Amino acid sequence: MNKVRAYFRESYHELVHKVSWPTWQELQSSTMIVLIATVVITAIVWGMDALSHLMLTQYYKIIS
C-alpha cells in the first residue's frame, strides 16, 4: 500500500512542480491550429470520397 501512496504522491509532485503548462494564449493558438487542420483534412477526405464515388459510379454504368 505504501508503494501506491508513494506513486500518487510522486505523480502529484511531478504534475504540479515539474510540468510546464501552456499559457491561455498558447492553448488557444494550439486549439485553432488543430481545428483548422481537422477541417482541411476532413475536406480532403471528403473530396477523395466524392471523387472515388463518381469514378466508381461511372465505371459501373460503363460495364453494365
N, C-alpha and C. Protein backbone atom coordinates (compact mmCIF):
# COMPACT_ATOMS: atom_id res chain seq x y z
N MET A 1 0.82 -1.19 0.00
CA MET A 1 0.00 0.00 0.00
C MET A 1 0.87 1.27 0.00
N ASN A 2 2.04 1.18 0.62
CA ASN A 2 2.93 2.34 0.66
C ASN A 2 3.46 2.70 -0.73
N LYS A 3 3.64 1.67 -1.57
CA LYS A 3 4.12 1.93 -2.94
C LYS A 3 3.07 2.69 -3.74
N VAL A 4 1.82 2.34 -3.54
CA VAL A 4 0.73 3.01 -4.26
C VAL A 4 0.65 4.46 -3.80
N ARG A 5 0.72 4.68 -2.52
CA ARG A 5 0.66 6.03 -1.97
C ARG A 5 1.85 6.86 -2.47
N ALA A 6 3.03 6.26 -2.49
CA ALA A 6 4.23 6.97 -2.97
C ALA A 6 4.10 7.31 -4.45
N TYR A 7 3.52 6.39 -5.21
CA TYR A 7 3.31 6.63 -6.65
C TYR A 7 2.44 7.86 -6.86
N PHE A 8 1.31 7.93 -6.15
CA PHE A 8 0.41 9.07 -6.32
C PHE A 8 1.05 10.36 -5.80
N ARG A 9 1.79 10.30 -4.73
CA ARG A 9 2.46 11.48 -4.19
C ARG A 9 3.48 11.99 -5.20
N GLU A 10 4.28 11.09 -5.77
CA GLU A 10 5.29 11.50 -6.76
C GLU A 10 4.65 12.00 -8.04
N SER A 11 3.56 11.37 -8.44
CA SER A 11 2.85 11.83 -9.65
C SER A 11 2.31 13.24 -9.45
N TYR A 12 1.72 13.50 -8.29
CA TYR A 12 1.21 14.83 -7.99
C TYR A 12 2.35 15.85 -7.99
N HIS A 13 3.43 15.51 -7.35
CA HIS A 13 4.58 16.42 -7.29
C HIS A 13 5.09 16.74 -8.70
N GLU A 14 5.17 15.74 -9.54
CA GLU A 14 5.66 15.96 -10.91
C GLU A 14 4.70 16.86 -11.69
N LEU A 15 3.38 16.60 -11.58
CA LEU A 15 2.41 17.41 -12.31
C LEU A 15 2.38 18.86 -11.84
N VAL A 16 2.57 19.07 -10.55
CA VAL A 16 2.48 20.42 -10.01
C VAL A 16 3.78 21.20 -10.17
N HIS A 17 4.92 20.54 -9.99
CA HIS A 17 6.18 21.28 -9.94
C HIS A 17 7.10 21.11 -11.15
N LYS A 18 6.96 20.05 -11.89
CA LYS A 18 7.91 19.79 -12.98
C LYS A 18 7.34 20.00 -14.38
N VAL A 19 6.03 19.89 -14.53
CA VAL A 19 5.41 20.03 -15.85
C VAL A 19 5.23 21.51 -16.14
N SER A 20 5.59 21.93 -17.34
CA SER A 20 5.35 23.32 -17.73
C SER A 20 4.05 23.34 -18.54
N TRP A 21 3.04 23.95 -17.97
CA TRP A 21 1.73 24.02 -18.60
C TRP A 21 1.69 25.20 -19.55
N PRO A 22 0.96 25.09 -20.66
CA PRO A 22 0.88 26.21 -21.61
C PRO A 22 0.06 27.36 -21.03
N THR A 23 0.35 28.56 -21.52
CA THR A 23 -0.45 29.71 -21.13
C THR A 23 -1.78 29.66 -21.88
N TRP A 24 -2.71 30.52 -21.47
CA TRP A 24 -4.02 30.54 -22.10
C TRP A 24 -3.89 30.88 -23.60
N GLN A 25 -3.02 31.82 -23.94
CA GLN A 25 -2.83 32.19 -25.35
C GLN A 25 -2.22 31.04 -26.15
N GLU A 26 -1.26 30.34 -25.58
CA GLU A 26 -0.67 29.19 -26.26
C GLU A 26 -1.70 28.09 -26.48
N LEU A 27 -2.55 27.89 -25.48
CA LEU A 27 -3.60 26.88 -25.59
C LEU A 27 -4.60 27.23 -26.68
N GLN A 28 -5.00 28.50 -26.73
CA GLN A 28 -5.92 28.93 -27.77
C GLN A 28 -5.30 28.80 -29.16
N SER A 29 -4.04 29.16 -29.28
CA SER A 29 -3.35 29.07 -30.56
C SER A 29 -3.25 27.61 -31.03
N SER A 30 -2.88 26.75 -30.13
CA SER A 30 -2.77 25.33 -30.47
C SER A 30 -4.13 24.75 -30.85
N THR A 31 -5.16 25.17 -30.14
CA THR A 31 -6.51 24.69 -30.44
C THR A 31 -6.94 25.12 -31.83
N MET A 32 -6.65 26.36 -32.20
CA MET A 32 -7.02 26.85 -33.53
C MET A 32 -6.27 26.08 -34.61
N ILE A 33 -5.02 25.79 -34.39
CA ILE A 33 -4.24 25.02 -35.36
C ILE A 33 -4.86 23.63 -35.55
N VAL A 34 -5.23 23.00 -34.46
CA VAL A 34 -5.84 21.67 -34.53
C VAL A 34 -7.19 21.73 -35.25
N LEU A 35 -8.00 22.74 -34.95
CA LEU A 35 -9.31 22.87 -35.61
C LEU A 35 -9.15 23.10 -37.11
N ILE A 36 -8.23 23.98 -37.50
CA ILE A 36 -8.02 24.26 -38.92
C ILE A 36 -7.49 23.01 -39.63
N ALA A 37 -6.55 22.32 -39.02
CA ALA A 37 -6.03 21.08 -39.62
C ALA A 37 -7.13 20.04 -39.76
N THR A 38 -8.00 19.94 -38.77
CA THR A 38 -9.11 18.99 -38.82
C THR A 38 -10.05 19.31 -39.98
N VAL A 39 -10.38 20.58 -40.16
CA VAL A 39 -11.26 20.98 -41.26
C VAL A 39 -10.60 20.69 -42.61
N VAL A 40 -9.32 21.01 -42.74
CA VAL A 40 -8.62 20.78 -44.01
C VAL A 40 -8.55 19.29 -44.33
N ILE A 41 -8.17 18.49 -43.36
CA ILE A 41 -8.07 17.04 -43.60
C ILE A 41 -9.44 16.44 -43.89
N THR A 42 -10.47 16.92 -43.19
CA THR A 42 -11.84 16.45 -43.46
C THR A 42 -12.25 16.78 -44.88
N ALA A 43 -11.93 17.98 -45.34
CA ALA A 43 -12.27 18.38 -46.71
C ALA A 43 -11.53 17.51 -47.73
N ILE A 44 -10.28 17.22 -47.47
CA ILE A 44 -9.51 16.37 -48.38
C ILE A 44 -10.10 14.97 -48.45
N VAL A 45 -10.42 14.39 -47.30
CA VAL A 45 -11.00 13.04 -47.28
C VAL A 45 -12.37 13.05 -47.95
N TRP A 46 -13.18 14.09 -47.69
CA TRP A 46 -14.49 14.18 -48.33
C TRP A 46 -14.33 14.27 -49.85
N GLY A 47 -13.38 15.08 -50.32
CA GLY A 47 -13.14 15.20 -51.75
C GLY A 47 -12.69 13.89 -52.38
N MET A 48 -11.81 13.17 -51.70
CA MET A 48 -11.37 11.87 -52.21
C MET A 48 -12.53 10.88 -52.26
N ASP A 49 -13.39 10.92 -51.25
CA ASP A 49 -14.55 10.03 -51.21
C ASP A 49 -15.52 10.36 -52.35
N ALA A 50 -15.78 11.66 -52.54
CA ALA A 50 -16.70 12.07 -53.61
C ALA A 50 -16.14 11.70 -54.98
N LEU A 51 -14.85 11.90 -55.19
CA LEU A 51 -14.22 11.57 -56.46
C LEU A 51 -14.26 10.06 -56.72
N SER A 52 -13.95 9.27 -55.71
CA SER A 52 -13.98 7.82 -55.90
C SER A 52 -15.41 7.34 -56.14
N HIS A 53 -16.39 7.96 -55.47
CA HIS A 53 -17.79 7.59 -55.71
C HIS A 53 -18.19 7.91 -57.15
N LEU A 54 -17.80 9.08 -57.63
CA LEU A 54 -18.10 9.48 -59.01
C LEU A 54 -17.45 8.53 -60.01
N MET A 55 -16.18 8.22 -59.78
CA MET A 55 -15.46 7.33 -60.70
C MET A 55 -16.07 5.93 -60.71
N LEU A 56 -16.39 5.40 -59.54
CA LEU A 56 -16.97 4.06 -59.48
C LEU A 56 -18.37 4.02 -60.08
N THR A 57 -19.14 5.08 -59.87
CA THR A 57 -20.47 5.14 -60.48
C THR A 57 -20.36 5.12 -61.99
N GLN A 58 -19.44 5.90 -62.55
CA GLN A 58 -19.25 5.92 -64.00
C GLN A 58 -18.75 4.56 -64.51
N TYR A 59 -17.85 3.96 -63.76
CA TYR A 59 -17.31 2.65 -64.14
C TYR A 59 -18.42 1.60 -64.19
N TYR A 60 -19.27 1.58 -63.16
CA TYR A 60 -20.35 0.58 -63.13
C TYR A 60 -21.39 0.85 -64.21
N LYS A 61 -21.60 2.10 -64.60
CA LYS A 61 -22.51 2.40 -65.70
C LYS A 61 -21.96 1.88 -67.01
N ILE A 62 -20.63 1.96 -67.19
CA ILE A 62 -19.99 1.52 -68.42
C ILE A 62 -20.06 0.00 -68.54
N ILE A 63 -19.80 -0.73 -67.46
CA ILE A 63 -19.73 -2.19 -67.57
C ILE A 63 -21.10 -2.86 -67.50
N SER A 64 -22.15 -2.14 -67.12
CA SER A 64 -23.45 -2.81 -67.05
C SER A 64 -24.35 -2.49 -68.19
